[in-house]
Amino acid sequence: MISEPTERQVQILRAVRSWIADHGEGPSVREIADLVGLSSTGSVAYQLARMEALGMISRTDRRWRSIRLGN
């Protein structure tokens, strides 16, 4: 069962999509935090891990810059 994304996850998806379109690669955790107005990179990392577990995003590498958007 896939749950609906939270508002924060939607914000992160939009920020990642925009960043990839502008830069050709995924943003760092710090860059995502700055884009969505979070001061804690730990909060971003938590959300990214949840999003990855739900299949919303994936990585081709251990780095978050290798992030790919899900279907």
C-alpha atoms as a PDB file:
ATOM      1  CA  MET A   1       0.000   0.000   0.000  1.00  0.00           C
ATOM      2  CA  ILE A   2       1.444   3.347  -1.069  1.00  0.00           C
ATOM      3  CA  SER A   3       0.497   6.210   1.170  1.00  0.00           C
ATOM      4  CA  GLU A   4      -0.130   9.737  -0.046  1.00  0.00           C
ATOM      5  CA  PRO A   5       2.930  11.996   0.190  1.00  0.00           C
ATOM      6  CA  THR A   6       2.991  14.530   2.990  1.00  0.00           C
ATOM      7  CA  GLU A   7       3.028  18.241   2.186  1.00  0.00           C
ATOM      8  CA  ARG A   8       6.739  18.340   3.084  1.00  0.00           C
ATOM      9  CA  GLN A   9       7.460  15.452   0.718  1.00  0.00           C
ATOM     10  CA  VAL A  10       5.590  17.247  -2.068  1.00  0.00           C
ATOM     11  CA  GLN A  11       7.707  20.359  -1.403  1.00  0.00           C
ATOM     12  CA  ILE A  12      10.868  18.272  -1.564  1.00  0.00           C
ATOM     13  CA  LEU A  13       9.769  16.568  -4.809  1.00  0.00           C
ATOM     14  CA  ARG A  14       9.090  19.946  -6.424  1.00  0.00           C
ATOM     15  CA  ALA A  15      12.433  21.312  -5.251  1.00  0.00           C
ATOM     16  CA  VAL A  16      14.327  18.252  -6.506  1.00  0.00           C
ATOM     17  CA  ARG A  17      12.520  18.301  -9.863  1.00  0.00           C
ATOM     18  CA  SER A  18      13.327  21.981 -10.345  1.00  0.00           C
ATOM     19  CA  TRP A  19      16.953  21.541  -9.256  1.00  0.00           C
ATOM     20  CA  ILE A  20      17.517  18.618 -11.629  1.00  0.00           C
ATOM     21  CA  ALA A  21      15.986  20.617 -14.510  1.00  0.00           C
ATOM     22  CA  ASP A  22      18.318  23.548 -13.770  1.00  0.00           C
ATOM     23  CA  HIS A  23      21.522  21.693 -12.837  1.00  0.00           C
ATOM     24  CA  GLY A  24      21.332  18.261 -14.467  1.00  0.00           C
ATOM     25  CA  GLU A  25      21.877  16.397 -11.194  1.00  0.00           C
ATOM     26  CA  GLY A  26      20.143  16.092  -7.849  1.00  0.00           C
ATOM     27  CA  PRO A  27      20.693  18.610  -5.052  1.00  0.00           C
ATOM     28  CA  SER A  28      22.610  17.874  -1.875  1.00  0.00           C
ATOM     29  CA  VAL A  29      20.749  17.424   1.404  1.00  0.00           C
ATOM     30  CA  ARG A  30      21.854  20.940   2.465  1.00  0.00           C
ATOM     31  CA  GLU A  31      20.621  22.413  -0.816  1.00  0.00           C
ATOM     32  CA  ILE A  32      17.247  20.688  -0.384  1.00  0.00           C
ATOM     33  CA  ALA A  33      17.017  22.039   3.165  1.00  0.00           C
ATOM     34  CA  ASP A  34      17.666  25.552   1.880  1.00  0.00           C
ATOM     35  CA  LEU A  35      15.126  25.168  -0.937  1.00  0.00           C
ATOM     36  CA  VAL A  36      12.279  24.036   1.329  1.00  0.00           C
ATOM     37  CA  GLY A  37      13.120  26.222   4.316  1.00  0.00           C
ATOM     38  CA  LEU A  38      14.395  23.605   6.763  1.00  0.00           C
ATOM     39  CA  SER A  39      17.353  24.275   9.022  1.00  0.00           C
ATOM     40  CA  SER A  40      17.979  20.605   9.836  1.00  0.00           C
ATOM     41  CA  THR A  41      19.658  18.389   7.273  1.00  0.00           C
ATOM     42  CA  GLY A  42      18.609  15.469   9.473  1.00  0.00           C
ATOM     43  CA  SER A  43      14.951  16.260   8.772  1.00  0.00           C
ATOM     44  CA  VAL A  44      15.654  16.297   5.038  1.00  0.00           C
ATOM     45  CA  ALA A  45      17.595  13.022   5.210  1.00  0.00           C
ATOM     46  CA  TYR A  46      14.705  11.430   7.134  1.00  0.00           C
ATOM     47  CA  GLN A  47      12.157  12.576   4.542  1.00  0.00           C
ATOM     48  CA  LEU A  48      14.372  11.405   1.664  1.00  0.00           C
ATOM     49  CA  ALA A  49      14.798   7.984   3.267  1.00  0.00           C
ATOM     50  CA  ARG A  50      11.010   7.672   3.721  1.00  0.00           C
ATOM     51  CA  MET A  51      10.425   8.800   0.146  1.00  0.00           C
ATOM     52  CA  GLU A  52      12.957   6.271  -1.120  1.00  0.00           C
ATOM     53  CA  ALA A  53      11.328   3.477   0.904  1.00  0.00           C
ATOM     54  CA  LEU A  54       7.951   4.411  -0.614  1.00  0.00           C
ATOM     55  CA  GLY A  55       9.372   4.370  -4.157  1.00  0.00           C
ATOM     56  CA  MET A  56       8.872   8.101  -4.701  1.00  0.00           C
ATOM     57  CA  ILE A  57      12.579   8.586  -5.422  1.00  0.00           C
ATOM     58  CA  SER A  58      15.620   6.396  -5.953  1.00  0.00           C
ATOM     59  CA  ARG A  59      19.376   6.742  -6.044  1.00  0.00           C
ATOM     60  CA  THR A  60      21.860   5.237  -8.461  1.00  0.00           C
ATOM     61  CA  ASP A  61      24.651   5.782  -5.944  1.00  0.00           C
ATOM     62  CA  ARG A  62      24.923   6.247  -2.173  1.00  0.00           C
ATOM     63  CA  ARG A  63      25.092  10.016  -2.664  1.00  0.00           C
ATOM     64  CA  TRP A  64      21.874  12.033  -2.685  1.00  0.00           C
ATOM     65  CA  ARG A  65      23.090  13.910  -5.761  1.00  0.00           C
ATOM     66  CA  SER A  66      22.335  10.713  -7.684  1.00  0.00           C
ATOM     67  CA  ILE A  67      18.639  11.039  -6.803  1.00  0.00           C
ATOM     68  CA  ARG A  68      16.070  10.084  -9.436  1.00  0.00           C
ATOM     69  CA  LEU A  69      12.380  10.835  -9.284  1.00  0.00           C
ATOM     70  CA  GLY A  70       9.971   7.899  -9.118  1.00  0.00           C
ATOM     71  CA  ASN A  71       7.142   7.295 -11.519  1.00  0.00           C
END
